Each structure stands twice: as structure tokens, then as C-alpha cells.
């Protein structure tokens, strides 16, 4: 008997929207940052993006998808989403706000649809890797498809 394929919420959304993607599962018992994941899977770092969740001065949450080796520029990011300032969402609130855990957070299929920005460098890529919605899962998809599935837009939001 074959092992049943495990679908995450993000994968079900991609399937429903008929968006092509590939996924890879890997051994992961606890949080690993994007660089560790890329190294373990042999991915080019420039193709792997991390998902950050922030809170604006207004209390609204915003999602940013940026290259794993980069840091968010809070001033640029705040300007892009029309906020005075942004700060990282406290880790203890991540699951209640997004439905995902640290290391398994993806811009696709959060509890609510938050304004989402993908760093503009992704637009030039043929494909990219993002978390698949749980620890130990990466999705490979076209940046335009991530944009569509997460209702995002592209902008410069890194230092």
C-alpha cells in the first residue's frame, strides 16, 4: 500500500487554483532557518525566500516574502504598505494570527488574507522556493504563481 500524500493548506489552495508546483519534504524536527533548509536540500540561496509577518502602527498585519540571505528594511516596507512603522509580529502570536508555526509559515493560505509583498527580485526568477506550510516541506513555484495564490504584489522591501 502506498503512503498517502500529505497536503498542506497551501498545497490545497494551489491545487484549487490549478497552479503548478512541486514540493519536497525533508527531515526537520525543530525550526531551521531558510539558509539551513537551502543547504540541507542543496538549493541555490538566491532561489529560496522566507516569509515574515509584521504588525503596523495601526495594528494591521502584513506579510513579506524576501530572500533568505536578506533582511527586511522596515522603513521601505512600511512605506510600501502605507504604514508609519512596522515591527515583527511577536513569535508567540504567529500561530494564532497565521495558522502556521515558525519555520512552516507561508504566504499562501493564512487564517486571514493579509496584505502581502514579495521582494521585487523574485520577479526575475524562473522559479522560487518557499515554505510549504509545515516544518519539513518546501514548495517550488513560479513567482507570478506565488503572487497570484497569495494576492501579493512585488516591491523593494530589503536593506
C-alpha atoms as a PDB file:
ATOM      1  CA  UNK A   1       0.000   0.000   0.000  1.00  0.00           C
ATOM      2  CA  UNK A   2       1.432   3.385  -0.930  1.00  0.00           C
ATOM      3  CA  UNK A   3       1.907   6.162   1.600  1.00  0.00           C
ATOM      4  CA  UNK A   4      -0.800   8.829   1.335  1.00  0.00           C
ATOM      5  CA  UNK A   5       0.448  12.151   0.039  1.00  0.00           C
ATOM      6  CA  UNK A   6       0.298  14.799   2.757  1.00  0.00           C
ATOM      7  CA  UNK A   7      -1.296  18.005   1.518  1.00  0.00           C
ATOM      8  CA  UNK A   8      -0.891  21.248   3.421  1.00  0.00           C
ATOM      9  CA  UNK A   9      -3.472  24.028   3.290  1.00  0.00           C
ATOM     10  CA  UNK A  10      -1.138  25.926   0.926  1.00  0.00           C
ATOM     11  CA  UNK A  11      -0.976  22.929  -1.434  1.00  0.00           C
ATOM     12  CA  UNK A  12      -4.769  22.530  -1.430  1.00  0.00           C
ATOM     13  CA  UNK A  13      -5.149  26.211  -2.365  1.00  0.00           C
ATOM     14  CA  UNK A  14      -2.607  25.853  -5.195  1.00  0.00           C
ATOM     15  CA  UNK A  15      -4.453  22.735  -6.421  1.00  0.00           C
ATOM     16  CA  UNK A  16      -7.825  24.537  -6.308  1.00  0.00           C
ATOM     17  CA  UNK A  17      -6.390  27.436  -8.327  1.00  0.00           C
ATOM     18  CA  UNK A  18      -4.770  24.945 -10.742  1.00  0.00           C
ATOM     19  CA  UNK A  19      -1.360  26.472 -10.036  1.00  0.00           C
ATOM     20  CA  UNK A  20       1.520  24.113 -10.817  1.00  0.00           C
ATOM     21  CA  UNK A  21       4.077  23.489  -8.076  1.00  0.00           C
ATOM     22  CA  UNK A  22       6.488  20.865  -6.851  1.00  0.00           C
ATOM     23  CA  UNK A  23       7.161  20.047  -3.233  1.00  0.00           C
ATOM     24  CA  UNK A  24       9.962  18.444  -1.326  1.00  0.00           C
ATOM     25  CA  UNK A  25       9.779  17.031   2.173  1.00  0.00           C
ATOM     26  CA  UNK A  26      12.876  16.862   4.336  1.00  0.00           C
ATOM     27  CA  UNK A  27      13.853  15.760   7.826  1.00  0.00           C
ATOM     28  CA  UNK A  28      13.123  18.577  10.260  1.00  0.00           C
ATOM     29  CA  UNK A  29      12.373  18.033  13.956  1.00  0.00           C
ATOM     30  CA  UNK A  30      12.582  21.694  15.007  1.00  0.00           C
ATOM     31  CA  UNK A  31      12.897  25.161  13.493  1.00  0.00           C
ATOM     32  CA  UNK A  32      15.647  25.638  10.919  1.00  0.00           C
ATOM     33  CA  UNK A  33      16.203  28.978   9.216  1.00  0.00           C
ATOM     34  CA  UNK A  34      15.943  29.298   5.449  1.00  0.00           C
ATOM     35  CA  UNK A  35      19.693  29.115   4.939  1.00  0.00           C
ATOM     36  CA  UNK A  36      19.911  25.816   6.848  1.00  0.00           C
ATOM     37  CA  UNK A  37      16.992  24.444   4.808  1.00  0.00           C
ATOM     38  CA  UNK A  38      18.569  25.552   1.500  1.00  0.00           C
ATOM     39  CA  UNK A  39      21.898  23.995   2.485  1.00  0.00           C
ATOM     40  CA  UNK A  40      20.270  20.721   3.552  1.00  0.00           C
ATOM     41  CA  UNK A  41      18.346  20.465   0.264  1.00  0.00           C
ATOM     42  CA  UNK A  42      21.167  21.773  -1.944  1.00  0.00           C
ATOM     43  CA  UNK A  43      19.154  24.769  -3.181  1.00  0.00           C
ATOM     44  CA  UNK A  44      20.763  27.926  -4.568  1.00  0.00           C
ATOM     45  CA  UNK A  45      20.258  30.535  -1.805  1.00  0.00           C
ATOM     46  CA  UNK A  46      19.082  33.153  -4.329  1.00  0.00           C
ATOM     47  CA  UNK A  47      16.023  30.994  -5.113  1.00  0.00           C
ATOM     48  CA  UNK A  48      14.866  30.464  -1.514  1.00  0.00           C
ATOM     49  CA  UNK A  49      12.593  33.009   0.148  1.00  0.00           C
ATOM     50  CA  UNK A  50      11.408  33.346   3.742  1.00  0.00           C
ATOM     51  CA  UNK A  51       8.035  34.598   4.936  1.00  0.00           C
ATOM     52  CA  UNK A  52       7.982  37.339   7.574  1.00  0.00           C
ATOM     53  CA  UNK A  53       4.874  38.583   9.352  1.00  0.00           C
ATOM     54  CA  UNK A  54       4.822  42.123  10.709  1.00  0.00           C
ATOM     55  CA  UNK A  55       2.453  44.417  12.558  1.00  0.00           C
ATOM     56  CA  UNK A  56       1.934  48.040  11.580  1.00  0.00           C
ATOM     57  CA  UNK A  57       1.391  51.041  13.823  1.00  0.00           C
ATOM     58  CA  UNK A  58      -2.350  50.653  13.023  1.00  0.00           C
ATOM     59  CA  UNK A  59      -2.383  47.063  14.340  1.00  0.00           C
ATOM     60  CA  UNK A  60      -2.817  45.609  10.819  1.00  0.00           C
ATOM     61  CA  UNK A  61      -0.650  42.612   9.902  1.00  0.00           C
ATOM     62  CA  UNK A  62       1.493  42.479   6.764  1.00  0.00           C
ATOM     63  CA  UNK A  63       3.337  39.586   5.133  1.00  0.00           C
ATOM     64  CA  UNK A  64       6.693  39.963   3.383  1.00  0.00           C
ATOM     65  CA  UNK A  65       8.390  37.268   1.294  1.00  0.00           C
ATOM     66  CA  UNK A  66      12.101  38.046   0.983  1.00  0.00           C
ATOM     67  CA  UNK A  67      15.335  36.257   0.017  1.00  0.00           C
ATOM     68  CA  UNK A  68      16.709  34.118   2.871  1.00  0.00           C
ATOM     69  CA  UNK A  69      20.044  35.957   2.992  1.00  0.00           C
ATOM     70  CA  UNK A  70      18.444  39.410   3.170  1.00  0.00           C
ATOM     71  CA  UNK A  71      16.902  41.493   5.936  1.00  0.00           C
ATOM     72  CA  UNK A  72      13.685  43.422   5.715  1.00  0.00           C
ATOM     73  CA  UNK A  73      14.059  47.193   5.580  1.00  0.00           C
ATOM     74  CA  UNK A  74      11.276  48.254   7.947  1.00  0.00           C
ATOM     75  CA  UNK A  75      11.232  51.850   6.644  1.00  0.00           C
ATOM     76  CA  UNK A  76      10.903  50.786   2.990  1.00  0.00           C
ATOM     77  CA  UNK A  77       8.393  48.068   3.862  1.00  0.00           C
ATOM     78  CA  UNK A  78       6.250  50.444   5.944  1.00  0.00           C
ATOM     79  CA  UNK A  79       6.200  52.957   3.088  1.00  0.00           C
ATOM     80  CA  UNK A  80       5.200  50.253   0.592  1.00  0.00           C
ATOM     81  CA  UNK A  81       2.168  49.214   2.696  1.00  0.00           C
ATOM     82  CA  UNK A  82       1.271  52.760   3.763  1.00  0.00           C
ATOM     83  CA  UNK A  83       2.155  52.456   7.460  1.00  0.00           C
ATOM     84  CA  UNK A  84       4.131  54.856   9.658  1.00  0.00           C
ATOM     85  CA  UNK A  85       6.172  51.961  11.041  1.00  0.00           C
ATOM     86  CA  UNK A  86       6.322  48.168  11.197  1.00  0.00           C
ATOM     87  CA  UNK A  87       7.698  45.648  13.659  1.00  0.00           C
ATOM     88  CA  UNK A  88       7.979  41.875  13.549  1.00  0.00           C
ATOM     89  CA  UNK A  89       4.942  40.009  14.843  1.00  0.00           C
ATOM     90  CA  UNK A  90       5.790  38.502  18.239  1.00  0.00           C
ATOM     91  CA  UNK A  91       6.603  34.816  17.776  1.00  0.00           C
ATOM     92  CA  UNK A  92       4.098  33.811  20.465  1.00  0.00           C
ATOM     93  CA  UNK A  93       1.327  35.271  18.238  1.00  0.00           C
ATOM     94  CA  UNK A  94       2.444  33.706  14.950  1.00  0.00           C
ATOM     95  CA  UNK A  95       0.196  30.636  15.025  1.00  0.00           C
ATOM     96  CA  UNK A  96      -2.902  32.480  16.273  1.00  0.00           C
ATOM     97  CA  UNK A  97      -2.507  35.164  13.563  1.00  0.00           C
ATOM     98  CA  UNK A  98      -1.418  33.000  10.600  1.00  0.00           C
ATOM     99  CA  UNK A  99      -2.365  29.415  11.409  1.00  0.00           C
ATOM    100  CA  UNK A 100       1.259  28.423  10.768  1.00  0.00           C
ATOM    101  CA  UNK A 101       4.216  27.721  13.041  1.00  0.00           C
ATOM    102  CA  UNK A 102       7.715  29.189  12.896  1.00  0.00           C
ATOM    103  CA  UNK A 103       9.627  27.518  10.075  1.00  0.00           C
ATOM    104  CA  UNK A 104       6.419  26.401   8.394  1.00  0.00           C
ATOM    105  CA  UNK A 105       4.889  29.789   7.650  1.00  0.00           C
ATOM    106  CA  UNK A 106       3.972  30.537   4.049  1.00  0.00           C
ATOM    107  CA  UNK A 107       2.136  33.441   2.423  1.00  0.00           C
ATOM    108  CA  UNK A 108      -0.440  31.063   0.923  1.00  0.00           C
ATOM    109  CA  UNK A 109      -3.488  30.157   2.993  1.00  0.00           C
ATOM    110  CA  UNK A 110      -3.052  32.061   6.228  1.00  0.00           C
ATOM    111  CA  UNK A 111      -6.062  32.288   8.563  1.00  0.00           C
ATOM    112  CA  UNK A 112      -6.887  35.672   7.010  1.00  0.00           C
ATOM    113  CA  UNK A 113      -5.725  37.340   3.817  1.00  0.00           C
ATOM    114  CA  UNK A 114      -3.162  39.908   4.903  1.00  0.00           C
ATOM    115  CA  UNK A 115      -1.553  42.436   2.556  1.00  0.00           C
ATOM    116  CA  UNK A 116       1.404  40.529   1.099  1.00  0.00           C
ATOM    117  CA  UNK A 117       4.542  41.814  -0.606  1.00  0.00           C
ATOM    118  CA  UNK A 118       7.135  39.696  -2.396  1.00  0.00           C
ATOM    119  CA  UNK A 119      10.558  41.300  -2.793  1.00  0.00           C
ATOM    120  CA  UNK A 120      10.862  42.515  -6.387  1.00  0.00           C
ATOM    121  CA  UNK A 121      13.982  40.420  -7.167  1.00  0.00           C
ATOM    122  CA  UNK A 122      11.722  37.344  -7.279  1.00  0.00           C
ATOM    123  CA  UNK A 123      10.038  38.696 -10.419  1.00  0.00           C
ATOM    124  CA  UNK A 124      13.214  37.927 -12.381  1.00  0.00           C
ATOM    125  CA  UNK A 125      13.351  34.271 -11.267  1.00  0.00           C
ATOM    126  CA  UNK A 126      12.072  31.349 -13.294  1.00  0.00           C
ATOM    127  CA  UNK A 127      11.019  29.660 -10.047  1.00  0.00           C
ATOM    128  CA  UNK A 128      11.473  30.076  -6.297  1.00  0.00           C
ATOM    129  CA  UNK A 129      11.221  28.030  -3.112  1.00  0.00           C
ATOM    130  CA  UNK A 130       9.057  28.941  -0.120  1.00  0.00           C
ATOM    131  CA  UNK A 131       7.844  27.047   2.924  1.00  0.00           C
ATOM    132  CA  UNK A 132       5.102  24.573   2.156  1.00  0.00           C
ATOM    133  CA  UNK A 133       3.011  25.336   5.221  1.00  0.00           C
ATOM    134  CA  UNK A 134       4.588  22.956   7.729  1.00  0.00           C
ATOM    135  CA  UNK A 135       8.032  22.096   9.063  1.00  0.00           C
ATOM    136  CA  UNK A 136       9.943  19.904   6.642  1.00  0.00           C
ATOM    137  CA  UNK A 137       8.183  20.990   3.442  1.00  0.00           C
ATOM    138  CA  UNK A 138       9.311  23.344   0.666  1.00  0.00           C
ATOM    139  CA  UNK A 139       7.285  24.393  -2.367  1.00  0.00           C
ATOM    140  CA  UNK A 140       8.814  25.212  -5.741  1.00  0.00           C
ATOM    141  CA  UNK A 141       6.703  27.500  -7.911  1.00  0.00           C
ATOM    142  CA  UNK A 142       6.863  30.430 -10.290  1.00  0.00           C
ATOM    143  CA  UNK A 143       6.980  33.851  -8.579  1.00  0.00           C
ATOM    144  CA  UNK A 144       3.940  35.008 -10.580  1.00  0.00           C
ATOM    145  CA  UNK A 145       2.037  31.986  -9.255  1.00  0.00           C
ATOM    146  CA  UNK A 146       3.012  32.771  -5.652  1.00  0.00           C
ATOM    147  CA  UNK A 147       1.845  36.330  -6.283  1.00  0.00           C
ATOM    148  CA  UNK A 148      -1.500  35.069  -7.579  1.00  0.00           C
ATOM    149  CA  UNK A 149      -2.055  32.488  -4.810  1.00  0.00           C
ATOM    150  CA  UNK A 150      -1.155  34.912  -2.007  1.00  0.00           C
ATOM    151  CA  UNK A 151      -2.790  38.008  -3.566  1.00  0.00           C
ATOM    152  CA  UNK A 152       0.592  39.720  -3.326  1.00  0.00           C
ATOM    153  CA  UNK A 153       2.468  42.373  -5.224  1.00  0.00           C
ATOM    154  CA  UNK A 154       6.149  42.922  -5.890  1.00  0.00           C
ATOM    155  CA  UNK A 155       8.136  45.779  -4.306  1.00  0.00           C
ATOM    156  CA  UNK A 156      11.591  46.592  -2.939  1.00  0.00           C
ATOM    157  CA  UNK A 157      11.462  45.848   0.807  1.00  0.00           C
ATOM    158  CA  UNK A 158      15.015  44.767   1.734  1.00  0.00           C
ATOM    159  CA  UNK A 159      18.091  46.610   3.011  1.00  0.00           C
END
